[in-house]
Amino acid sequence: MSKSPASLSPTGVVALDLEILGEEAAALGRAGRRVEETLADLAAASPAMRETALHEAAEAVQHYFILRETRGFRRHDDAIAAYDIPRAVIARLGAS
């Protein structure tokens, strides 16, 4: 006995949960792209613009970490390695 397509569709609560998960994933993806952009800007920054670029990169990384933490990711070692986040940026976050 096969199920009809209507019986396979998610309930309202499940559909909402899926929508929320999709939005959270999209937000995390956007934050990750922002980390990439600000780190590239930092790498290309002239000495005169380094402080500004460092500040922007630290803000982007902090935002990314906060989003990760809201999803239950408490350790960021994998993200630090994946994005090759410089120690100078991490130091701005108060981490060592």
Foldseek 3Di string as FASTA:
>chain_A
DDDDPVVVDDDPVVVVVVVVVVVLVVVLVVLLVQLLVLVVCCVVDDPVCNVVSLVSNLVSVVVNQVSVVVVPPPDCPVVCVVSVPDVSSVVVVVHD
